[in-house]
Amino acid sequence: MRVLIVAAVLCGMLAVSYAAGTKCYVCSSVDGECADEYTGDSSHEQDCSEVGYTDDGSCSKLKATAKAGGAKASTVTRSCGELYDNTKCEQKDRVKTGSGSAKAETWSCSCEGDLCNGGSQLTYSAALVCAFIMKFLF
């Protein structure tokens, strides 16, 4: 019984923190501090309800690589909102475009939950983990 009470309190705390506004990493690799391998710089943490984005509970990561005439450039942008169809940053999820020697590849990734767009692989949401735990307790 005590385990059920603790689990319910923890899930309630997760729900309250989730309702308070989503926090995401907001940055671009153009400034040199946002590229992969990213360690989650606290100066990039933004409350999505305060920075003018739509706070739908999600964070996103966009990675683009372009090649032309032997030159290659890559950018990574981490942001609030915008749920994409794919929820993984895997090679198979990339979109390829271009013709001739000019080619581009783009990965559009999203996740739900605070600061979930920090790593090269996005994390599960706290709500999903809570639901999974509650399923086994009840």
C-alpha atoms as a PDB file:
ATOM      1  CA  MET A   1       0.000   0.000   0.000  1.00  0.00           C
ATOM      2  CA  ARG A   2       2.834   2.342   0.868  1.00  0.00           C
ATOM      3  CA  VAL A   3       4.389   1.756  -2.586  1.00  0.00           C
ATOM      4  CA  LEU A   4       1.117   2.766  -4.250  1.00  0.00           C
ATOM      5  CA  ILE A   5       0.964   6.015  -2.296  1.00  0.00           C
ATOM      6  CA  VAL A   6       4.582   6.877  -3.141  1.00  0.00           C
ATOM      7  CA  ALA A   7       3.994   6.093  -6.836  1.00  0.00           C
ATOM      8  CA  ALA A   8       0.839   8.211  -6.920  1.00  0.00           C
ATOM      9  CA  VAL A   9       2.609  11.150  -5.244  1.00  0.00           C
ATOM     10  CA  LEU A  10       5.549  10.915  -7.671  1.00  0.00           C
ATOM     11  CA  CYS A  11       3.224  10.827 -10.677  1.00  0.00           C
ATOM     12  CA  GLY A  12       1.318  13.802  -9.289  1.00  0.00           C
ATOM     13  CA  MET A  13       4.565  15.739  -8.919  1.00  0.00           C
ATOM     14  CA  LEU A  14       5.496  14.865 -12.506  1.00  0.00           C
ATOM     15  CA  ALA A  15       2.114  16.111 -13.703  1.00  0.00           C
ATOM     16  CA  VAL A  16       2.499  19.402 -11.835  1.00  0.00           C
ATOM     17  CA  SER A  17       5.998  20.031 -13.201  1.00  0.00           C
ATOM     18  CA  TYR A  18       4.793  19.133 -16.708  1.00  0.00           C
ATOM     19  CA  ALA A  19       1.882  21.592 -16.460  1.00  0.00           C
ATOM     20  CA  ALA A  20       4.198  24.382 -15.319  1.00  0.00           C
ATOM     21  CA  GLY A  21       5.677  24.690 -18.808  1.00  0.00           C
ATOM     22  CA  THR A  22       8.045  22.613 -20.849  1.00  0.00           C
ATOM     23  CA  LYS A  23      11.756  23.344 -20.677  1.00  0.00           C
ATOM     24  CA  CYS A  24      13.862  22.634 -23.763  1.00  0.00           C
ATOM     25  CA  TYR A  25      17.376  23.290 -24.917  1.00  0.00           C
ATOM     26  CA  VAL A  26      17.210  26.174 -27.419  1.00  0.00           C
ATOM     27  CA  CYS A  27      20.394  26.731 -29.414  1.00  0.00           C
ATOM     28  CA  SER A  28      22.064  26.386 -32.792  1.00  0.00           C
ATOM     29  CA  SER A  29      25.422  24.879 -33.699  1.00  0.00           C
ATOM     30  CA  VAL A  30      26.128  28.105 -35.589  1.00  0.00           C
ATOM     31  CA  ASP A  31      27.285  29.517 -32.227  1.00  0.00           C
ATOM     32  CA  GLY A  32      29.588  26.504 -31.819  1.00  0.00           C
ATOM     33  CA  GLU A  33      28.045  25.230 -28.571  1.00  0.00           C
ATOM     34  CA  CYS A  34      25.092  23.158 -29.747  1.00  0.00           C
ATOM     35  CA  ALA A  35      26.513  20.561 -32.138  1.00  0.00           C
ATOM     36  CA  ASP A  36      26.597  16.817 -31.517  1.00  0.00           C
ATOM     37  CA  GLU A  37      28.071  15.589 -29.046  1.00  0.00           C
ATOM     38  CA  TYR A  38      26.021  17.951 -26.884  1.00  0.00           C
ATOM     39  CA  THR A  39      26.317  17.899 -23.098  1.00  0.00           C
ATOM     40  CA  GLY A  40      23.255  20.005 -22.217  1.00  0.00           C
ATOM     41  CA  ASP A  41      24.539  23.483 -21.376  1.00  0.00           C
ATOM     42  CA  SER A  42      22.310  25.053 -18.685  1.00  0.00           C
ATOM     43  CA  SER A  43      22.581  28.454 -20.410  1.00  0.00           C
ATOM     44  CA  HIS A  44      20.563  26.965 -23.315  1.00  0.00           C
ATOM     45  CA  GLU A  45      17.625  25.901 -21.091  1.00  0.00           C
ATOM     46  CA  GLN A  46      14.455  27.835 -21.963  1.00  0.00           C
ATOM     47  CA  ASP A  47      10.928  27.761 -20.562  1.00  0.00           C
ATOM     48  CA  CYS A  48       8.967  27.290 -23.785  1.00  0.00           C
ATOM     49  CA  SER A  49       5.996  29.287 -22.506  1.00  0.00           C
ATOM     50  CA  GLU A  50       8.261  32.329 -22.072  1.00  0.00           C
ATOM     51  CA  VAL A  51      10.235  32.438 -25.330  1.00  0.00           C
ATOM     52  CA  GLY A  52       7.399  32.918 -27.813  1.00  0.00           C
ATOM     53  CA  TYR A  53       7.134  29.297 -28.964  1.00  0.00           C
ATOM     54  CA  THR A  54       3.998  27.207 -28.867  1.00  0.00           C
ATOM     55  CA  ASP A  55       4.336  25.136 -25.702  1.00  0.00           C
ATOM     56  CA  ASP A  56       2.828  21.814 -26.759  1.00  0.00           C
ATOM     57  CA  GLY A  57       4.946  19.836 -24.283  1.00  0.00           C
ATOM     58  CA  SER A  58       7.558  18.872 -26.847  1.00  0.00           C
ATOM     59  CA  CYS A  59      11.136  19.716 -27.754  1.00  0.00           C
ATOM     60  CA  SER A  60      12.774  19.237 -31.126  1.00  0.00           C
ATOM     61  CA  LYS A  61      16.131  18.749 -32.753  1.00  0.00           C
ATOM     62  CA  LEU A  62      16.896  19.385 -36.406  1.00  0.00           C
ATOM     63  CA  LYS A  63      20.155  18.254 -37.962  1.00  0.00           C
ATOM     64  CA  ALA A  64      21.069  19.163 -41.534  1.00  0.00           C
ATOM     65  CA  THR A  65      24.124  18.192 -43.568  1.00  0.00           C
ATOM     66  CA  ALA A  66      24.908  19.605 -47.005  1.00  0.00           C
ATOM     67  CA  LYS A  67      27.596  18.527 -49.478  1.00  0.00           C
ATOM     68  CA  ALA A  68      28.576  20.393 -52.629  1.00  0.00           C
ATOM     69  CA  GLY A  69      31.737  20.252 -54.693  1.00  0.00           C
ATOM     70  CA  GLY A  70      33.740  18.415 -52.038  1.00  0.00           C
ATOM     71  CA  ALA A  71      32.740  20.794 -49.230  1.00  0.00           C
ATOM     72  CA  LYS A  72      30.558  19.633 -46.335  1.00  0.00           C
ATOM     73  CA  ALA A  73      28.651  21.635 -43.714  1.00  0.00           C
ATOM     74  CA  SER A  74      26.439  20.504 -40.824  1.00  0.00           C
ATOM     75  CA  THR A  75      24.139  22.351 -38.437  1.00  0.00           C
ATOM     76  CA  VAL A  76      22.150  21.286 -35.395  1.00  0.00           C
ATOM     77  CA  THR A  77      19.241  23.317 -34.031  1.00  0.00           C
ATOM     78  CA  ARG A  78      17.487  22.478 -30.751  1.00  0.00           C
ATOM     79  CA  SER A  79      14.164  24.171 -30.056  1.00  0.00           C
ATOM     80  CA  CYS A  80      10.794  24.191 -28.287  1.00  0.00           C
ATOM     81  CA  GLY A  81       7.697  22.583 -29.753  1.00  0.00           C
ATOM     82  CA  GLU A  82       6.968  21.141 -33.159  1.00  0.00           C
ATOM     83  CA  LEU A  83       6.240  17.436 -32.899  1.00  0.00           C
ATOM     84  CA  TYR A  84       7.522  15.594 -35.969  1.00  0.00           C
ATOM     85  CA  ASP A  85       6.305  12.288 -37.397  1.00  0.00           C
ATOM     86  CA  ASN A  86       9.489  10.511 -36.401  1.00  0.00           C
ATOM     87  CA  THR A  87      10.575  10.392 -32.786  1.00  0.00           C
ATOM     88  CA  LYS A  88      14.091   9.059 -33.277  1.00  0.00           C
ATOM     89  CA  CYS A  89      17.290  10.515 -34.655  1.00  0.00           C
ATOM     90  CA  GLU A  90      18.431   7.500 -36.602  1.00  0.00           C
ATOM     91  CA  GLN A  91      20.088   7.297 -40.006  1.00  0.00           C
ATOM     92  CA  LYS A  92      17.001   5.591 -41.456  1.00  0.00           C
ATOM     93  CA  ASP A  93      14.849   8.624 -40.544  1.00  0.00           C
ATOM     94  CA  ARG A  94      16.819  11.140 -42.613  1.00  0.00           C
ATOM     95  CA  VAL A  95      15.372  12.876 -45.661  1.00  0.00           C
ATOM     96  CA  LYS A  96      17.707  13.104 -48.663  1.00  0.00           C
ATOM     97  CA  THR A  97      17.451  15.825 -51.311  1.00  0.00           C
ATOM     98  CA  GLY A  98      19.641  17.231 -54.055  1.00  0.00           C
ATOM     99  CA  SER A  99      20.924  16.573 -57.528  1.00  0.00           C
ATOM    100  CA  GLY A 100      24.310  16.146 -59.143  1.00  0.00           C
ATOM    101  CA  SER A 101      27.146  16.859 -56.724  1.00  0.00           C
ATOM    102  CA  ALA A 102      24.957  18.966 -54.388  1.00  0.00           C
ATOM    103  CA  LYS A 103      23.221  16.837 -51.768  1.00  0.00           C
ATOM    104  CA  ALA A 104      21.539  17.450 -48.427  1.00  0.00           C
ATOM    105  CA  GLU A 105      20.266  15.253 -45.604  1.00  0.00           C
ATOM    106  CA  THR A 106      17.914  16.360 -42.840  1.00  0.00           C
ATOM    107  CA  TRP A 107      16.826  14.727 -39.573  1.00  0.00           C
ATOM    108  CA  SER A 108      13.769  16.231 -37.852  1.00  0.00           C
ATOM    109  CA  CYS A 109      13.356  14.736 -34.397  1.00  0.00           C
ATOM    110  CA  SER A 110      11.064  15.478 -31.480  1.00  0.00           C
ATOM    111  CA  CYS A 111      10.351  14.277 -27.976  1.00  0.00           C
ATOM    112  CA  GLU A 112       8.019  15.085 -25.107  1.00  0.00           C
ATOM    113  CA  GLY A 113       9.195  16.244 -21.693  1.00  0.00           C
ATOM    114  CA  ASP A 114      11.604  18.665 -20.086  1.00  0.00           C
ATOM    115  CA  LEU A 115      15.078  18.937 -21.632  1.00  0.00           C
ATOM    116  CA  CYS A 116      14.583  15.802 -23.721  1.00  0.00           C
ATOM    117  CA  ASN A 117      16.344  17.272 -26.791  1.00  0.00           C
ATOM    118  CA  GLY A 118      19.816  17.304 -25.281  1.00  0.00           C
ATOM    119  CA  GLY A 119      21.316  14.039 -26.469  1.00  0.00           C
ATOM    120  CA  SER A 120      21.967  12.468 -29.806  1.00  0.00           C
ATOM    121  CA  GLN A 121      19.118  10.068 -28.984  1.00  0.00           C
ATOM    122  CA  LEU A 122      15.955  11.621 -27.577  1.00  0.00           C
ATOM    123  CA  THR A 123      14.473  10.363 -24.291  1.00  0.00           C
ATOM    124  CA  TYR A 124      11.082   9.011 -23.237  1.00  0.00           C
ATOM    125  CA  SER A 125       8.656  11.403 -21.580  1.00  0.00           C
ATOM    126  CA  ALA A 126       8.144  11.324 -17.821  1.00  0.00           C
ATOM    127  CA  ALA A 127       4.406  10.817 -18.363  1.00  0.00           C
ATOM    128  CA  LEU A 128       5.061   7.668 -20.403  1.00  0.00           C
ATOM    129  CA  VAL A 129       7.360   6.257 -17.719  1.00  0.00           C
ATOM    130  CA  CYS A 130       4.788   7.092 -15.025  1.00  0.00           C
ATOM    131  CA  ALA A 131       2.004   5.364 -16.980  1.00  0.00           C
ATOM    132  CA  PHE A 132       4.200   2.280 -17.430  1.00  0.00           C
ATOM    133  CA  ILE A 133       4.931   2.086 -13.682  1.00  0.00           C
ATOM    134  CA  MET A 134       1.278   2.607 -12.731  1.00  0.00           C
ATOM    135  CA  LYS A 135       0.216  -0.193 -15.113  1.00  0.00           C
ATOM    136  CA  PHE A 136       2.211  -2.710 -13.097  1.00  0.00           C
ATOM    137  CA  LEU A 137       1.084  -1.374  -9.731  1.00  0.00           C
ATOM    138  CA  PHE A 138      -2.650  -1.559 -10.424  1.00  0.00           C
END
